[in-house]
Structures are given as C-alpha cells and as structure tokens.
Amino acid sequence: GHRLHHFPAQLSGGEQQRVAVARA
C-alpha cells in the first residue's frame, strides 16, 4: 500500500512479484 506509485525499476524482485500477485 505504500508503493502504489513506484515503477517496477524502483521495486525489488519480491515487490515486483507481489505487484504481479495483486494484479492477478
């Protein structure tokens, strides 16, 4: 919830995967 406006390049690998989970 604190990373809503970050781009993928600004996120760690685990955070990017959790965005993918949120999208799903």
mmCIF file of all heavy atoms, coordinates in Angstrom:
data_MODEL
# 
_entry.id   MODEL 
# 
loop_
_atom_site.group_PDB 
_atom_site.id 
_atom_site.type_symbol 
_atom_site.label_atom_id 
_atom_site.label_alt_id 
_atom_site.label_comp_id 
_atom_site.label_asym_id 
_atom_site.label_entity_id 
_atom_site.label_seq_id 
_atom_site.pdbx_PDB_ins_code 
_atom_site.Cartn_x 
_atom_site.Cartn_y 
_atom_site.Cartn_z 
_atom_site.occupancy 
_atom_site.B_iso_or_equiv 
_atom_site.pdbx_formal_charge 
_atom_site.auth_seq_id 
_atom_site.auth_comp_id 
_atom_site.auth_asym_id 
_atom_site.auth_atom_id 
_atom_site.pdbx_PDB_model_num 
ATOM 1   N N   . GLY A 1 1  ? 0.803  -1.219  0.000   1.00 0.00 ? 1  GLY A N   1 
ATOM 2   C CA  . GLY A 1 1  ? 0.000  0.000   0.000   1.00 0.00 ? 1  GLY A CA  1 
ATOM 3   C C   . GLY A 1 1  ? 0.836  1.269   0.000   1.00 0.00 ? 1  GLY A C   1 
ATOM 4   O O   . GLY A 1 1  ? 0.349  2.333   -0.400  1.00 0.00 ? 1  GLY A O   1 
ATOM 5   N N   . HIS A 1 2  ? 2.094  1.161   0.399   1.00 0.00 ? 2  HIS A N   1 
ATOM 6   C CA  . HIS A 1 2  ? 2.986  2.321   0.449   1.00 0.00 ? 2  HIS A CA  1 
ATOM 7   C C   . HIS A 1 2  ? 3.822  2.470   -0.823  1.00 0.00 ? 2  HIS A C   1 
ATOM 8   O O   . HIS A 1 2  ? 4.652  3.376   -0.919  1.00 0.00 ? 2  HIS A O   1 
ATOM 9   C CB  . HIS A 1 2  ? 3.926  2.192   1.643   1.00 0.00 ? 2  HIS A CB  1 
ATOM 10  C CG  . HIS A 1 2  ? 4.828  0.986   1.586   1.00 0.00 ? 2  HIS A CG  1 
ATOM 11  N ND1 . HIS A 1 2  ? 4.333  -0.299  1.541   1.00 0.00 ? 2  HIS A ND1 1 
ATOM 12  C CD2 . HIS A 1 2  ? 6.185  0.881   1.548   1.00 0.00 ? 2  HIS A CD2 1 
ATOM 13  C CE1 . HIS A 1 2  ? 5.346  -1.148  1.487   1.00 0.00 ? 2  HIS A CE1 1 
ATOM 14  N NE2 . HIS A 1 2  ? 6.474  -0.458  1.481   1.00 0.00 ? 2  HIS A NE2 1 
ATOM 15  N N   . ARG A 1 3  ? 3.599  1.582   -1.820  1.00 0.00 ? 3  ARG A N   1 
ATOM 16  C CA  . ARG A 1 3  ? 4.415  1.604   -3.032  1.00 0.00 ? 3  ARG A CA  1 
ATOM 17  C C   . ARG A 1 3  ? 3.554  1.769   -4.289  1.00 0.00 ? 3  ARG A C   1 
ATOM 18  O O   . ARG A 1 3  ? 3.968  1.408   -5.385  1.00 0.00 ? 3  ARG A O   1 
ATOM 19  C CB  . ARG A 1 3  ? 5.227  0.304   -3.141  1.00 0.00 ? 3  ARG A CB  1 
ATOM 20  C CG  . ARG A 1 3  ? 6.066  -0.022  -1.940  1.00 0.00 ? 3  ARG A CG  1 
ATOM 21  C CD  . ARG A 1 3  ? 7.301  0.848   -1.872  1.00 0.00 ? 3  ARG A CD  1 
ATOM 22  N NE  . ARG A 1 3  ? 8.439  0.184   -2.493  1.00 0.00 ? 3  ARG A NE  1 
ATOM 23  C CZ  . ARG A 1 3  ? 9.605  0.766   -2.729  1.00 0.00 ? 3  ARG A CZ  1 
ATOM 24  N NH1 . ARG A 1 3  ? 9.773  2.036   -2.409  1.00 0.00 ? 3  ARG A NH1 1 
ATOM 25  N NH2 . ARG A 1 3  ? 10.591 0.109   -3.268  1.00 0.00 ? 3  ARG A NH2 1 
ATOM 26  N N   . LEU A 1 4  ? 2.379  2.360   -4.138  1.00 0.00 ? 4  LEU A N   1 
ATOM 27  C CA  . LEU A 1 4  ? 1.413  2.440   -5.243  1.00 0.00 ? 4  LEU A CA  1 
ATOM 28  C C   . LEU A 1 4  ? 1.985  3.119   -6.477  1.00 0.00 ? 4  LEU A C   1 
ATOM 29  O O   . LEU A 1 4  ? 1.691  2.702   -7.611  1.00 0.00 ? 4  LEU A O   1 
ATOM 30  C CB  . LEU A 1 4  ? 0.161  3.206   -4.800  1.00 0.00 ? 4  LEU A CB  1 
ATOM 31  C CG  . LEU A 1 4  ? -0.593 2.699   -3.569  1.00 0.00 ? 4  LEU A CG  1 
ATOM 32  C CD1 . LEU A 1 4  ? -1.840 3.556   -3.346  1.00 0.00 ? 4  LEU A CD1 1 
ATOM 33  C CD2 . LEU A 1 4  ? -0.969 1.239   -3.716  1.00 0.00 ? 4  LEU A CD2 1 
ATOM 34  N N   . HIS A 1 5  ? 2.770  4.148   -6.280  1.00 0.00 ? 5  HIS A N   1 
ATOM 35  C CA  . HIS A 1 5  ? 3.177  4.997   -7.402  1.00 0.00 ? 5  HIS A CA  1 
ATOM 36  C C   . HIS A 1 5  ? 4.643  4.806   -7.787  1.00 0.00 ? 5  HIS A C   1 
ATOM 37  O O   . HIS A 1 5  ? 5.227  5.649   -8.453  1.00 0.00 ? 5  HIS A O   1 
ATOM 38  C CB  . HIS A 1 5  ? 2.889  6.457   -7.062  1.00 0.00 ? 5  HIS A CB  1 
ATOM 39  C CG  . HIS A 1 5  ? 1.444  6.695   -6.712  1.00 0.00 ? 5  HIS A CG  1 
ATOM 40  N ND1 . HIS A 1 5  ? 0.417  6.549   -7.618  1.00 0.00 ? 5  HIS A ND1 1 
ATOM 41  C CD2 . HIS A 1 5  ? 0.849  7.023   -5.525  1.00 0.00 ? 5  HIS A CD2 1 
ATOM 42  C CE1 . HIS A 1 5  ? -0.745 6.793   -7.032  1.00 0.00 ? 5  HIS A CE1 1 
ATOM 43  N NE2 . HIS A 1 5  ? -0.505 7.077   -5.759  1.00 0.00 ? 5  HIS A NE2 1 
ATOM 44  N N   . HIS A 1 6  ? 5.181  3.657   -7.398  1.00 0.00 ? 6  HIS A N   1 
ATOM 45  C CA  . HIS A 1 6  ? 6.543  3.325   -7.786  1.00 0.00 ? 6  HIS A CA  1 
ATOM 46  C C   . HIS A 1 6  ? 6.526  2.509   -9.079  1.00 0.00 ? 6  HIS A C   1 
ATOM 47  O O   . HIS A 1 6  ? 5.647  1.677   -9.296  1.00 0.00 ? 6  HIS A O   1 
ATOM 48  C CB  . HIS A 1 6  ? 7.237  2.521   -6.682  1.00 0.00 ? 6  HIS A CB  1 
ATOM 49  C CG  . HIS A 1 6  ? 7.590  3.339   -5.483  1.00 0.00 ? 6  HIS A CG  1 
ATOM 50  N ND1 . HIS A 1 6  ? 6.640  3.798   -4.593  1.00 0.00 ? 6  HIS A ND1 1 
ATOM 51  C CD2 . HIS A 1 6  ? 8.791  3.785   -5.018  1.00 0.00 ? 6  HIS A CD2 1 
ATOM 52  C CE1 . HIS A 1 6  ? 7.236  4.485   -3.628  1.00 0.00 ? 6  HIS A CE1 1 
ATOM 53  N NE2 . HIS A 1 6  ? 8.530  4.495   -3.867  1.00 0.00 ? 6  HIS A NE2 1 
ATOM 54  N N   . PHE A 1 7  ? 7.510  2.749   -9.903  1.00 0.00 ? 7  PHE A N   1 
ATOM 55  C CA  . PHE A 1 7  ? 7.662  1.986   -11.144 1.00 0.00 ? 7  PHE A CA  1 
ATOM 56  C C   . PHE A 1 7  ? 8.401  0.676   -10.845 1.00 0.00 ? 7  PHE A C   1 
ATOM 57  O O   . PHE A 1 7  ? 9.115  0.563   -9.837  1.00 0.00 ? 7  PHE A O   1 
ATOM 58  C CB  . PHE A 1 7  ? 8.443  2.808   -12.178 1.00 0.00 ? 7  PHE A CB  1 
ATOM 59  C CG  . PHE A 1 7  ? 7.689  3.997   -12.698 1.00 0.00 ? 7  PHE A CG  1 
ATOM 60  C CD1 . PHE A 1 7  ? 7.856  5.250   -12.109 1.00 0.00 ? 7  PHE A CD1 1 
ATOM 61  C CD2 . PHE A 1 7  ? 6.788  3.868   -13.754 1.00 0.00 ? 7  PHE A CD2 1 
ATOM 62  C CE1 . PHE A 1 7  ? 7.159  6.353   -12.578 1.00 0.00 ? 7  PHE A CE1 1 
ATOM 63  C CE2 . PHE A 1 7  ? 6.077  4.966   -14.229 1.00 0.00 ? 7  PHE A CE2 1 
ATOM 64  C CZ  . PHE A 1 7  ? 6.258  6.202   -13.642 1.00 0.00 ? 7  PHE A CZ  1 
ATOM 65  N N   . PRO A 1 8  ? 8.234  -0.347  -11.717 1.00 0.00 ? 8  PRO A N   1 
ATOM 66  C CA  . PRO A 1 8  ? 8.911  -1.629  -11.463 1.00 0.00 ? 8  PRO A CA  1 
ATOM 67  C C   . PRO A 1 8  ? 10.401 -1.506  -11.187 1.00 0.00 ? 8  PRO A C   1 
ATOM 68  O O   . PRO A 1 8  ? 10.931 -2.205  -10.318 1.00 0.00 ? 8  PRO A O   1 
ATOM 69  C CB  . PRO A 1 8  ? 8.627  -2.414  -12.751 1.00 0.00 ? 8  PRO A CB  1 
ATOM 70  C CG  . PRO A 1 8  ? 7.294  -1.905  -13.201 1.00 0.00 ? 8  PRO A CG  1 
ATOM 71  C CD  . PRO A 1 8  ? 7.314  -0.432  -12.869 1.00 0.00 ? 8  PRO A CD  1 
ATOM 72  N N   . ALA A 1 9  ? 11.098 -0.608  -11.897 1.00 0.00 ? 9  ALA A N   1 
ATOM 73  C CA  . ALA A 1 9  ? 12.545 -0.457  -11.694 1.00 0.00 ? 9  ALA A CA  1 
ATOM 74  C C   . ALA A 1 9  ? 12.885 0.071   -10.302 1.00 0.00 ? 9  ALA A C   1 
ATOM 75  O O   . ALA A 1 9  ? 14.026 -0.060  -9.849  1.00 0.00 ? 9  ALA A O   1 
ATOM 76  C CB  . ALA A 1 9  ? 13.125 0.476   -12.754 1.00 0.00 ? 9  ALA A CB  1 
ATOM 77  N N   . GLN A 1 10 ? 11.888 0.643   -9.620  1.00 0.00 ? 10 GLN A N   1 
ATOM 78  C CA  . GLN A 1 10 ? 12.095 1.170   -8.270  1.00 0.00 ? 10 GLN A CA  1 
ATOM 79  C C   . GLN A 1 10 ? 11.735 0.154   -7.191  1.00 0.00 ? 10 GLN A C   1 
ATOM 80  O O   . GLN A 1 10 ? 11.818 0.466   -6.002  1.00 0.00 ? 10 GLN A O   1 
ATOM 81  C CB  . GLN A 1 10 ? 11.266 2.442   -8.082  1.00 0.00 ? 10 GLN A CB  1 
ATOM 82  C CG  . GLN A 1 10 ? 11.645 3.574   -9.028  1.00 0.00 ? 10 GLN A CG  1 
ATOM 83  C CD  . GLN A 1 10 ? 10.662 4.737   -8.948  1.00 0.00 ? 10 GLN A CD  1 
ATOM 84  O OE1 . GLN A 1 10 ? 9.453  4.556   -9.058  1.00 0.00 ? 10 GLN A OE1 1 
ATOM 85  N NE2 . GLN A 1 10 ? 11.199 5.940   -8.755  1.00 0.00 ? 10 GLN A NE2 1 
ATOM 86  N N   . LEU A 1 11 ? 11.330 -1.047  -7.609  1.00 0.00 ? 11 LEU A N   1 
ATOM 87  C CA  . LEU A 1 11 ? 10.895 -2.086  -6.679  1.00 0.00 ? 11 LEU A CA  1 
ATOM 88  C C   . LEU A 1 11 ? 11.885 -3.245  -6.696  1.00 0.00 ? 11 LEU A C   1 
ATOM 89  O O   . LEU A 1 11 ? 12.515 -3.537  -7.714  1.00 0.00 ? 11 LEU A O   1 
ATOM 90  C CB  . LEU A 1 11 ? 9.505  -2.604  -7.076  1.00 0.00 ? 11 LEU A CB  1 
ATOM 91  C CG  . LEU A 1 11 ? 8.377  -1.577  -7.133  1.00 0.00 ? 11 LEU A CG  1 
ATOM 92  C CD1 . LEU A 1 11 ? 7.119  -2.214  -7.710  1.00 0.00 ? 11 LEU A CD1 1 
ATOM 93  C CD2 . LEU A 1 11 ? 8.096  -0.994  -5.758  1.00 0.00 ? 11 LEU A CD2 1 
ATOM 94  N N   . SER A 1 12 ? 11.995 -3.934  -5.566  1.00 0.00 ? 12 SER A N   1 
ATOM 95  C CA  . SER A 1 12 ? 12.813 -5.147  -5.507  1.00 0.00 ? 12 SER A CA  1 
ATOM 96  C C   . SER A 1 12 ? 12.112 -6.268  -6.279  1.00 0.00 ? 12 SER A C   1 
ATOM 97  O O   . SER A 1 12 ? 10.929 -6.161  -6.648  1.00 0.00 ? 12 SER A O   1 
ATOM 98  C CB  . SER A 1 12 ? 13.012 -5.568  -4.057  1.00 0.00 ? 12 SER A CB  1 
ATOM 99  O OG  . SER A 1 12 ? 11.780 -6.015  -3.496  1.00 0.00 ? 12 SER A OG  1 
ATOM 100 N N   . GLY A 1 13 ? 12.840 -7.377  -6.495  1.00 0.00 ? 13 GLY A N   1 
ATOM 101 C CA  . GLY A 1 13 ? 12.234 -8.513  -7.184  1.00 0.00 ? 13 GLY A CA  1 
ATOM 102 C C   . GLY A 1 13 ? 11.012 -9.043  -6.459  1.00 0.00 ? 13 GLY A C   1 
ATOM 103 O O   . GLY A 1 13 ? 9.986  -9.347  -7.075  1.00 0.00 ? 13 GLY A O   1 
ATOM 104 N N   . GLY A 1 14 ? 11.104 -9.144  -5.133  1.00 0.00 ? 14 GLY A N   1 
ATOM 105 C CA  . GLY A 1 14 ? 9.963  -9.629  -4.358  1.00 0.00 ? 14 GLY A CA  1 
ATOM 106 C C   . GLY A 1 14 ? 8.778  -8.688  -4.430  1.00 0.00 ? 14 GLY A C   1 
ATOM 107 O O   . GLY A 1 14 ? 7.627  -9.126  -4.495  1.00 0.00 ? 14 GLY A O   1 
ATOM 108 N N   . GLU A 1 15 ? 9.052  -7.393  -4.431  1.00 0.00 ? 15 GLU A N   1 
ATOM 109 C CA  . GLU A 1 15 ? 7.967  -6.413  -4.538  1.00 0.00 ? 15 GLU A CA  1 
ATOM 110 C C   . GLU A 1 15 ? 7.319  -6.469  -5.918  1.00 0.00 ? 15 GLU A C   1 
ATOM 111 O O   . GLU A 1 15 ? 6.092  -6.385  -6.049  1.00 0.00 ? 15 GLU A O   1 
ATOM 112 C CB  . GLU A 1 15 ? 8.498  -5.012  -4.244  1.00 0.00 ? 15 GLU A CB  1 
ATOM 113 C CG  . GLU A 1 15 ? 8.827  -4.783  -2.774  1.00 0.00 ? 15 GLU A CG  1 
ATOM 114 C CD  . GLU A 1 15 ? 9.544  -3.469  -2.531  1.00 0.00 ? 15 GLU A CD  1 
ATOM 115 O OE1 . GLU A 1 15 ? 10.243 -2.981  -3.446  1.00 0.00 ? 15 GLU A OE1 1 
ATOM 116 O OE2 . GLU A 1 15 ? 9.412  -2.922  -1.424  1.00 0.00 ? 15 GLU A OE2 1 
ATOM 117 N N   . GLN A 1 16 ? 8.128  -6.644  -6.957  1.00 0.00 ? 16 GLN A N   1 
ATOM 118 C CA  . GLN A 1 16 ? 7.562  -6.767  -8.297  1.00 0.00 ? 16 GLN A CA  1 
ATOM 119 C C   . GLN A 1 16 ? 6.668  -8.007  -8.397  1.00 0.00 ? 16 GLN A C   1 
ATOM 120 O O   . GLN A 1 16 ? 5.595  -7.956  -8.999  1.00 0.00 ? 16 GLN A O   1 
ATOM 121 C CB  . GLN A 1 16 ? 8.684  -6.850  -9.337  1.00 0.00 ? 16 GLN A CB  1 
ATOM 122 C CG  . GLN A 1 16 ? 9.425  -5.547  -9.538  1.00 0.00 ? 16 GLN A CG  1 
ATOM 123 C CD  . GLN A 1 16 ? 10.467 -5.654  -10.632 1.00 0.00 ? 16 GLN A CD  1 
ATOM 124 O OE1 . GLN A 1 16 ? 10.149 -5.961  -11.775 1.00 0.00 ? 16 GLN A OE1 1 
ATOM 125 N NE2 . GLN A 1 16 ? 11.721 -5.410  -10.283 1.00 0.00 ? 16 GLN A NE2 1 
ATOM 126 N N   . GLN A 1 17 ? 7.094  -9.104  -7.795  1.00 0.00 ? 17 GLN A N   1 
ATOM 127 C CA  . GLN A 1 17 ? 6.262  -10.306 -7.839  1.00 0.00 ? 17 GLN A CA  1 
ATOM 128 C C   . GLN A 1 17 ? 4.976  -10.100 -7.060  1.00 0.00 ? 17 GLN A C   1 
ATOM 129 O O   . GLN A 1 17 ? 3.914  -10.579 -7.460  1.00 0.00 ? 17 GLN A O   1 
ATOM 130 C CB  . GLN A 1 17 ? 7.039  -11.511 -7.295  1.00 0.00 ? 17 GLN A CB  1 
ATOM 131 C CG  . GLN A 1 17 ? 6.310  -12.845 -7.407  1.00 0.00 ? 17 GLN A CG  1 
ATOM 132 C CD  . GLN A 1 17 ? 6.038  -13.275 -8.840  1.00 0.00 ? 17 GLN A CD  1 
ATOM 133 O OE1 . GLN A 1 17 ? 5.384  -12.551 -9.601  1.00 0.00 ? 17 GLN A OE1 1 
ATOM 134 N NE2 . GLN A 1 17 ? 6.526  -14.440 -9.212  1.00 0.00 ? 17 GLN A NE2 1 
ATOM 135 N N   . ARG A 1 18 ? 5.039  -9.350  -5.966  1.00 0.00 ? 18 ARG A N   1 
ATOM 136 C CA  . ARG A 1 18 ? 3.814  -9.083  -5.210  1.00 0.00 ? 18 ARG A CA  1 
ATOM 137 C C   . ARG A 1 18 ? 2.873  -8.146  -5.983  1.00 0.00 ? 18 ARG A C   1 
ATOM 138 O O   . ARG A 1 18 ? 1.651  -8.249  -5.853  1.00 0.00 ? 18 ARG A O   1 
ATOM 139 C CB  . ARG A 1 18 ? 4.152  -8.504  -3.831  1.00 0.00 ? 18 ARG A CB  1 
ATOM 140 C CG  . ARG A 1 18 ? 4.567  -9.598  -2.843  1.00 0.00 ? 18 ARG A CG  1 
ATOM 141 C CD  . ARG A 1 18 ? 4.705  -9.057  -1.452  1.00 0.00 ? 18 ARG A CD  1 
ATOM 142 N NE  . ARG A 1 18 ? 5.977  -8.362  -1.263  1.00 0.00 ? 18 ARG A NE  1 
ATOM 143 C CZ  . ARG A 1 18 ? 6.211  -7.495  -0.287  1.00 0.00 ? 18 ARG A CZ  1 
ATOM 144 N NH1 . ARG A 1 18 ? 5.253  -7.179  0.579   1.00 0.00 ? 18 ARG A NH1 1 
ATOM 145 N NH2 . ARG A 1 18 ? 7.398  -6.921  -0.169  1.00 0.00 ? 18 ARG A NH2 1 
ATOM 146 N N   . VAL A 1 19 ? 3.420  -7.253  -6.800  1.00 0.00 ? 19 VAL A N   1 
ATOM 147 C CA  . VAL A 1 19 ? 2.557  -6.472  -7.698  1.00 0.00 ? 19 VAL A CA  1 
ATOM 148 C C   . VAL A 1 19 ? 1.862  -7.416  -8.676  1.00 0.00 ? 19 VAL A C   1 
ATOM 149 O O   . VAL A 1 19 ? 0.663  -7.267  -8.957  1.00 0.00 ? 19 VAL A O   1 
ATOM 150 C CB  . VAL A 1 19 ? 3.367  -5.403  -8.454  1.00 0.00 ? 19 VAL A CB  1 
ATOM 151 C CG1 . VAL A 1 19 ? 2.481  -4.715  -9.512  1.00 0.00 ? 19 VAL A CG1 1 
ATOM 152 C CG2 . VAL A 1 19 ? 3.922  -4.365  -7.499  1.00 0.00 ? 19 VAL A CG2 1 
ATOM 153 N N   . ALA A 1 20 ? 2.598  -8.392  -9.190  1.00 0.00 ? 20 ALA A N   1 
ATOM 154 C CA  . ALA A 1 20 ? 2.001  -9.369  -10.104 1.00 0.00 ? 20 ALA A CA  1 
ATOM 155 C C   . ALA A 1 20 ? 0.892  -10.162 -9.407  1.00 0.00 ? 20 ALA A C   1 
ATOM 156 O O   . ALA A 1 20 ? -0.151 -10.456 -10.001 1.00 0.00 ? 20 ALA A O   1 
ATOM 157 C CB  . ALA A 1 20 ? 3.073  -10.309 -10.644 1.00 0.00 ? 20 ALA A CB  1 
ATOM 158 N N   . VAL A 1 21 ? 1.100  -10.501 -8.124  1.00 0.00 ? 21 VAL A N   1 
ATOM 159 C CA  . VAL A 1 21 ? 0.059  -11.197 -7.358  1.00 0.00 ? 21 VAL A CA  1 
ATOM 160 C C   . VAL A 1 21 ? -1.148 -10.280 -7.178  1.00 0.00 ? 21 VAL A C   1 
ATOM 161 O O   . VAL A 1 21 ? -2.294 -10.708 -7.367  1.00 0.00 ? 21 VAL A O   1 
ATOM 162 C CB  . VAL A 1 21 ? 0.604  -11.647 -5.981  1.00 0.00 ? 21 VAL A CB  1 
ATOM 163 C CG1 . VAL A 1 21 ? -0.527 -12.200 -5.123  1.00 0.00 ? 21 VAL A CG1 1 
ATOM 164 C CG2 . VAL A 1 21 ? 1.698  -12.693 -6.154  1.00 0.00 ? 21 VAL A CG2 1 
ATOM 165 N N   . ALA A 1 22 ? -0.901 -9.017  -6.826  1.00 0.00 ? 22 ALA A N   1 
ATOM 166 C CA  . ALA A 1 22 ? -2.008 -8.068  -6.664  1.00 0.00 ? 22 ALA A CA  1 
ATOM 167 C C   . ALA A 1 22 ? -2.800 -7.922  -7.952  1.00 0.00 ? 22 ALA A C   1 
ATOM 168 O O   . ALA A 1 22 ? -4.032 -7.874  -7.927  1.00 0.00 ? 22 ALA A O   1 
ATOM 169 C CB  . ALA A 1 22 ? -1.460 -6.705  -6.222  1.00 0.00 ? 22 ALA A CB  1 
ATOM 170 N N   . ARG A 1 23 ? -2.098 -7.851  -9.067  1.00 0.00 ? 23 ARG A N   1 
ATOM 171 C CA  . ARG A 1 23 ? -2.775 -7.739  -10.361 1.00 0.00 ? 23 ARG A CA  1 
ATOM 172 C C   . ARG A 1 23 ? -3.640 -8.963  -10.635 1.00 0.00 ? 23 ARG A C   1 
ATOM 173 O O   . ARG A 1 23 ? -4.757 -8.853  -11.144 1.00 0.00 ? 23 ARG A O   1 
ATOM 174 C CB  . ARG A 1 23 ? -1.719 -7.573  -11.468 1.00 0.00 ? 23 ARG A CB  1 
ATOM 175 C CG  . ARG A 1 23 ? -2.289 -7.368  -12.859 1.00 0.00 ? 23 ARG A CG  1 
ATOM 176 C CD  . ARG A 1 23 ? -1.182 -7.130  -13.869 1.00 0.00 ? 23 ARG A CD  1 
ATOM 177 N NE  . ARG A 1 23 ? -0.243 -8.249  -13.902 1.00 0.00 ? 23 ARG A NE  1 
ATOM 178 C CZ  . ARG A 1 23 ? 0.902  -8.238  -14.578 1.00 0.00 ? 23 ARG A CZ  1 
ATOM 179 N NH1 . ARG A 1 23 ? 1.267  -7.151  -15.244 1.00 0.00 ? 23 ARG A NH1 1 
ATOM 180 N NH2 . ARG A 1 23 ? 1.698  -9.293  -14.577 1.00 0.00 ? 23 ARG A NH2 1 
ATOM 181 N N   . ALA A 1 24 ? -3.141 -10.129 -10.262 1.00 0.00 ? 24 ALA A N   1 
ATOM 182 C CA  . ALA A 1 24 ? -3.896 -11.360 -10.514 1.00 0.00 ? 24 ALA A CA  1 
ATOM 183 C C   . ALA A 1 24 ? -5.119 -11.481 -9.612  1.00 0.00 ? 24 ALA A C   1 
ATOM 184 O O   . ALA A 1 24 ? -6.190 -11.913 -10.052 1.00 0.00 ? 24 ALA A O   1 
ATOM 185 C CB  . ALA A 1 24 ? -2.976 -12.571 -10.336 1.00 0.00 ? 24 ALA A CB  1 
# 
